[in-house]
Each structure stands twice: as C-alpha cells, then as structure tokens.
C-alpha cells in the first residue's frame, strides 16, 4: 500500500510555486514513516493579534495582561527566518519530498463573529490546523480567535486532496466565548470544557492509537469529540499536561511532545 505521508511543519517562507506532479491521496498513520509530502508555512504578514482573552490564555497563560505582546513581528526576524526556511524547502524538494505552501492571507484583516473581533496571527504552523489520519484530513477547532479562519489559506490543498480521493472534514466551529478561557486559576489549564477545541499538534499518531495532549491548546471535550468522530477504528488516549511544551506538570504522559516528526 502506498504510504503518502502528508504532514506539516512550522516554517517561515514565502509561498513557492506548486509542484507539477499531481498530488496523491492522503495516507498518514504515524509520525515516523518516510516523508513524501509536506506543507511548509509562511511568515508573510505574521503578527501578534490585538489583545484578547483567547490569545492570553493559550499562548501567555502565565503573564500579566500588560506583558502580552501585540502587533507585527520584527521584519528582521521574519526575513532571516524566510531565508533559512527557503533553504529547508529547497533541500526537501531536492530529496524528492513534495513541498506545498499556503496561499497568502492578510493577517491584519479583522475577523468578526457576534461574540468577538480579532485580527489574525499567521500561517506559520499548518500542523496546528490540519490533522491527517489515514485517508482523512480534519480541520481542527483551534481555541484561538486569531486563528479562526486560518485554514482558508489551505483551501487549494483541500481541493487537491479531495480530487485525489482523500476525505476532508471540519470539526464543529467553536464559539470561543470568554467563558471558555481560564486566566484566574494558575493551577488549571487555560482552556475550560464549555465546547470541544484543540489543535492538531495536540495529537501524536501511533497507528490506531492517538495520544491526545490536554493543555492550553486542547481540552478533554476535544478528545471526546475526536474519539466519537473516528469511532472504533482509533483509540484516543487522553494525556494530562498543563503546557504543550517546555515545563513539567504532574500527570500522565507528561513527557509526551505532540509535535510533528518528519
């Protein structure tokens, strides 16, 4: 069986022309098979969004409000990162990996719902938005308002995947009301359990077993939705940790890093 490992990596680079080869159907089962295709993100227009409770709770849970950053990233940082990641993308392509890119998006534009308004963050981490399992790609219900419509940068890739025979589904669109976020109790994660939310990077694929990291970017309700949606073909194992990376927290699977492994 062909194993086309369509994955995603956090990358800073300007969009490159799409590969001429026709895309194959998605077939992803773990984090260690040979890499055949990858989505490399872009830093064009990347910025910290205006202050809101979701960004504070998910990214800067331990900081006081006045220390939460906002505004564009430094241009020098973006330029240097683009140069480095262009070289990485070229290296991957030279080794036979199909490299795909998001379409450019104006991150300074405002996204509005009846409950809140926010500018965007970036298209830097495709691995946070898109979860590939078997022949299916799931658009994940990210808990951050600034990433609410981020998946639109991958619509052209969605259409290619569907035409190639893959399944593409979207989780229920979350409301992301203020009550979802915890900034008052430092001993609890930044996300509460009002609705299912999680990033794809909270999930580590090990065949039919999925390690799901409960953290500031994924709640237990999200794990329940994922298990119910996938049914008996997969087993979702809830792992407890306060942070997605960087510090220790008492709980099961505390050393599991839910990162993409290329």
Protein backbone atom coordinates (compact mmCIF):
# COMPACT_ATOMS: atom_id res chain seq x y z
CA UNK A 1 0.00 0.00 0.00
CA UNK A 2 1.33 3.41 -0.95
CA UNK A 3 2.15 5.47 2.10
CA UNK A 4 1.98 9.14 1.20
CA UNK A 5 2.88 10.95 4.41
CA UNK A 6 1.28 14.36 4.03
CA UNK A 7 2.37 16.33 7.03
CA UNK A 8 3.02 19.89 8.15
CA UNK A 9 5.94 21.75 9.64
CA UNK A 10 6.25 25.12 11.31
CA UNK A 11 8.10 27.11 8.67
CA UNK A 12 8.70 30.72 7.74
CA UNK A 13 8.93 31.17 3.98
CA UNK A 14 7.29 32.99 1.11
CA UNK A 15 4.92 30.85 -0.99
CA UNK A 16 6.64 28.86 -3.73
CA UNK A 17 5.12 27.51 -6.96
CA UNK A 18 3.22 24.27 -6.55
CA UNK A 19 4.90 21.06 -7.67
CA UNK A 20 3.96 19.94 -11.16
CA UNK A 21 3.27 16.37 -10.08
CA UNK A 22 -0.35 15.50 -9.39
CA UNK A 23 -1.00 15.15 -5.64
CA UNK A 24 -1.58 11.67 -4.25
CA UNK A 25 -4.31 10.75 -1.81
CA UNK A 26 -3.51 11.30 1.86
CA UNK A 27 -2.26 8.22 3.73
CA UNK A 28 -0.85 9.02 7.19
CA UNK A 29 -0.65 6.55 10.06
CA UNK A 30 2.23 7.60 12.33
CA UNK A 31 4.99 10.14 12.94
CA UNK A 32 7.97 8.20 11.58
CA UNK A 33 7.29 6.82 8.08
CA UNK A 34 9.35 8.19 5.21
CA UNK A 35 8.27 11.75 4.42
CA UNK A 36 6.80 12.11 0.92
CA UNK A 37 4.83 15.36 1.09
CA UNK A 38 4.78 18.30 3.47
CA UNK A 39 3.05 21.63 3.97
CA UNK A 40 5.55 24.38 4.80
CA UNK A 41 4.03 27.51 6.30
CA UNK A 42 4.70 31.17 5.63
CA UNK A 43 5.52 34.19 7.78
CA UNK A 44 4.16 36.78 5.39
CA UNK A 45 2.23 39.31 7.41
CA UNK A 46 2.77 37.44 10.69
CA UNK A 47 1.75 39.45 13.73
CA UNK A 48 0.71 39.16 17.33
CA UNK A 49 -3.06 39.84 17.38
CA UNK A 50 -4.65 42.64 19.36
CA UNK A 51 -5.18 41.64 22.96
CA UNK A 52 -7.95 39.18 23.66
CA UNK A 53 -8.62 36.55 26.29
CA UNK A 54 -8.09 33.59 23.94
CA UNK A 55 -4.57 34.62 22.91
CA UNK A 56 -3.64 35.36 26.52
CA UNK A 57 -4.95 32.02 27.82
CA UNK A 58 -3.46 29.81 25.10
CA UNK A 59 -0.07 31.44 24.47
CA UNK A 60 0.77 33.54 27.53
CA UNK A 61 -1.19 31.99 30.38
CA UNK A 62 1.45 32.86 33.00
CA UNK A 63 1.94 36.51 32.00
CA UNK A 64 0.04 39.54 33.28
CA UNK A 65 -2.07 41.29 30.68
CA UNK A 66 0.32 44.20 30.15
CA UNK A 67 3.09 41.78 29.11
CA UNK A 68 1.09 40.01 26.37
CA UNK A 69 2.57 41.18 23.04
CA UNK A 70 0.63 42.61 20.11
CA UNK A 71 1.45 43.97 16.67
CA UNK A 72 3.65 42.79 13.77
CA UNK A 73 6.65 40.56 14.28
CA UNK A 74 10.02 42.29 13.70
CA UNK A 75 10.78 42.38 9.97
CA UNK A 76 14.41 41.36 10.50
CA UNK A 77 13.32 38.22 12.32
CA UNK A 78 10.90 37.29 9.55
CA UNK A 79 13.40 37.99 6.79
CA UNK A 80 16.13 35.89 8.38
CA UNK A 81 13.72 33.05 9.07
CA UNK A 82 12.43 33.13 5.49
CA UNK A 83 15.96 32.80 4.18
CA UNK A 84 16.62 29.79 6.40
CA UNK A 85 13.32 28.10 5.60
CA UNK A 86 13.68 28.70 1.86
CA UNK A 87 16.85 26.64 2.09
CA UNK A 88 15.00 23.94 4.03
CA UNK A 89 12.19 23.82 1.46
CA UNK A 90 14.73 23.55 -1.35
CA UNK A 91 16.54 20.74 0.47
CA UNK A 92 13.32 18.81 0.95
CA UNK A 93 12.39 19.23 -2.71
CA UNK A 94 15.85 18.13 -3.82
CA UNK A 95 15.35 14.92 -1.83
CA UNK A 96 12.09 14.07 -3.53
CA UNK A 97 9.63 15.49 -0.98
CA UNK A 98 6.63 17.30 -2.41
CA UNK A 99 6.54 20.73 -0.76
CA UNK A 100 3.22 22.59 -0.61
CA UNK A 101 2.52 26.12 0.65
CA UNK A 102 -0.47 28.08 1.93
CA UNK A 103 -1.93 30.89 -0.11
CA UNK A 104 -1.10 34.41 1.16
CA UNK A 105 -3.57 35.91 3.64
CA UNK A 106 -3.84 39.43 5.07
CA UNK A 107 -3.29 38.79 8.77
CA UNK A 108 -4.08 42.42 9.62
CA UNK A 109 -7.68 41.96 8.48
CA UNK A 110 -10.34 41.69 11.17
CA UNK A 111 -12.36 38.51 11.74
CA UNK A 112 -15.72 39.12 13.42
CA UNK A 113 -18.41 36.97 14.98
CA UNK A 114 -21.39 38.10 17.10
CA UNK A 115 -19.21 37.48 20.18
CA UNK A 116 -15.79 38.95 19.38
CA UNK A 117 -13.46 40.53 16.83
CA UNK A 118 -9.77 39.80 16.21
CA UNK A 119 -7.07 40.26 13.63
CA UNK A 120 -5.19 37.15 12.50
CA UNK A 121 -1.95 35.62 13.76
CA UNK A 122 -0.08 33.90 10.90
CA UNK A 123 0.06 30.92 8.56
CA UNK A 124 3.22 29.70 10.24
CA UNK A 125 2.10 26.34 11.71
CA UNK A 126 0.00 24.19 9.37
CA UNK A 127 0.47 21.32 11.83
CA UNK A 128 -1.79 23.15 14.29
CA UNK A 129 -4.74 23.39 11.92
CA UNK A 130 -4.77 20.18 9.87
CA UNK A 131 -4.80 16.67 11.35
CA UNK A 132 -4.16 13.88 8.83
CA UNK A 133 -5.33 10.42 9.89
CA UNK A 134 -5.36 7.61 7.37
CA UNK A 135 -7.02 8.96 4.22
CA UNK A 136 -8.74 11.80 6.11
CA UNK A 137 -7.75 15.39 6.91
CA UNK A 138 -9.56 17.08 9.81
CA UNK A 139 -9.75 20.86 10.11
CA UNK A 140 -9.32 21.22 13.86
CA UNK A 141 -11.33 23.59 16.10
CA UNK A 142 -8.44 25.80 17.19
CA UNK A 143 -9.08 27.58 20.51
CA UNK A 144 -7.53 30.88 19.40
CA UNK A 145 -9.72 33.57 17.87
CA UNK A 146 -6.82 34.93 15.81
CA UNK A 147 -6.67 31.57 14.01
CA UNK A 148 -10.42 31.13 13.50
CA UNK A 149 -10.25 31.35 9.68
CA UNK A 150 -6.61 30.35 9.23
CA UNK A 151 -7.49 27.17 7.33
CA UNK A 152 -8.71 29.25 4.39
CA UNK A 153 -5.06 29.54 3.32
CA UNK A 154 -5.14 25.79 2.60
CA UNK A 155 -8.34 25.62 0.53
CA UNK A 156 -6.45 24.94 -2.69
CA UNK A 157 -4.73 21.99 -0.99
CA UNK A 158 -8.08 20.79 0.33
CA UNK A 159 -9.48 20.71 -3.20
CA UNK A 160 -6.43 18.83 -4.49
CA UNK A 161 -6.71 16.25 -1.71
CA UNK A 162 -10.41 15.65 -2.34
CA UNK A 163 -9.86 15.24 -6.08
CA UNK A 164 -7.12 12.71 -5.33
CA UNK A 165 -9.56 10.61 -3.28
CA UNK A 166 -8.97 11.85 0.26
CA UNK A 167 -11.64 12.74 2.80
CA UNK A 168 -11.63 16.26 4.28
CA UNK A 169 -13.87 17.10 7.22
CA UNK A 170 -14.15 20.02 9.62
CA UNK A 171 -14.80 19.92 13.35
CA UNK A 172 -17.73 21.97 14.69
CA UNK A 173 -16.88 25.67 14.58
CA UNK A 174 -16.38 26.79 18.20
CA UNK A 175 -17.96 29.92 19.66
CA UNK A 176 -14.79 30.89 21.61
CA UNK A 177 -16.67 32.93 24.19
CA UNK A 178 -14.79 34.49 27.11
CA UNK A 179 -16.09 31.78 29.45
CA UNK A 180 -14.02 29.13 27.63
CA UNK A 181 -10.74 30.57 28.93
CA UNK A 182 -9.20 30.37 32.39
CA UNK A 183 -6.90 33.19 33.46
CA UNK A 184 -7.87 33.18 37.12
CA UNK A 185 -6.55 29.83 38.38
CA UNK A 186 -2.87 29.21 37.53
CA UNK A 187 -3.14 25.58 38.63
CA UNK A 188 -5.63 24.77 35.87
CA UNK A 189 -5.12 24.80 32.08
CA UNK A 190 -6.03 27.89 30.13
CA UNK A 191 -8.93 26.06 28.46
CA UNK A 192 -12.12 25.00 30.22
CA UNK A 193 -14.67 22.46 28.97
CA UNK A 194 -17.53 24.52 27.52
CA UNK A 195 -17.04 23.22 23.96
CA UNK A 196 -14.59 20.96 22.08
CA UNK A 197 -11.42 22.77 20.99
CA UNK A 198 -7.94 21.53 20.12
CA UNK A 199 -5.00 21.99 17.76
CA UNK A 200 -3.87 19.16 15.53
CA UNK A 201 -0.45 19.38 17.18
CA UNK A 202 -2.06 18.10 20.40
CA UNK A 203 -2.36 14.70 18.71
CA UNK A 204 0.52 12.24 18.32
CA UNK A 205 -0.18 9.46 15.81
CA UNK A 206 0.88 5.90 16.62
CA UNK A 207 -1.07 3.81 14.15
CA UNK A 208 -4.57 3.26 15.54
CA UNK A 209 -3.57 4.79 18.88
CA UNK A 210 -3.65 8.57 19.21
CA UNK A 211 -2.05 10.34 22.18
CA UNK A 212 -4.08 13.49 22.86
CA UNK A 213 -2.43 16.17 25.00
CA UNK A 214 -4.79 18.13 27.24
CA UNK A 215 -3.21 21.56 27.58
CA UNK A 216 -3.76 25.24 26.87
CA UNK A 217 -4.42 24.34 23.23
CA UNK A 218 -6.70 21.33 23.64
CA UNK A 219 -9.35 20.34 26.17
CA UNK A 220 -10.81 16.97 27.18
CA UNK A 221 -14.05 17.77 25.34
CA UNK A 222 -11.99 17.97 22.15
CA UNK A 223 -10.61 14.47 22.78
CA UNK A 224 -14.15 13.19 23.30
CA UNK A 225 -15.30 14.72 20.00
CA UNK A 226 -12.32 13.20 18.19
CA UNK A 227 -12.98 9.71 19.59
CA UNK A 228 -16.68 9.89 18.80
CA UNK A 229 -15.99 11.10 15.26
CA UNK A 230 -13.32 8.49 14.49
CA UNK A 231 -15.27 5.63 16.06
CA UNK A 232 -13.78 2.21 16.86
CA UNK A 233 -11.06 2.44 14.20
CA UNK A 234 -8.96 4.62 16.54
CA UNK A 235 -8.26 4.78 20.26
CA UNK A 236 -7.78 8.30 21.67
CA UNK A 237 -5.67 8.33 24.85
CA UNK A 238 -6.03 11.50 26.93
CA UNK A 239 -2.69 12.71 28.32
CA UNK A 240 -2.61 15.36 31.02
CA UNK A 241 -0.20 18.22 30.93
CA UNK A 242 -0.57 21.89 31.66
CA UNK A 243 1.60 23.13 28.81
CA UNK A 244 2.05 21.92 25.27
CA UNK A 245 5.82 22.17 25.65
CA UNK A 246 8.54 23.49 27.89
CA UNK A 247 7.67 22.72 31.50
CA UNK A 248 6.75 19.77 33.66
CA UNK A 249 3.31 19.18 35.10
CA UNK A 250 2.15 16.27 37.27
CA UNK A 251 0.05 13.94 35.19
CA UNK A 252 0.06 11.03 32.78
CA UNK A 253 2.22 11.20 29.63
CA UNK A 254 3.87 14.34 30.93
CA UNK A 255 6.92 13.90 28.71
CA UNK A 256 4.98 13.31 25.51
CA UNK A 257 5.60 16.08 22.99
CA UNK A 258 2.75 16.35 20.48
CA UNK A 259 4.99 17.63 17.71
CA UNK A 260 5.14 16.55 14.09
CA UNK A 261 8.14 14.33 13.42
CA UNK A 262 9.39 14.49 9.85
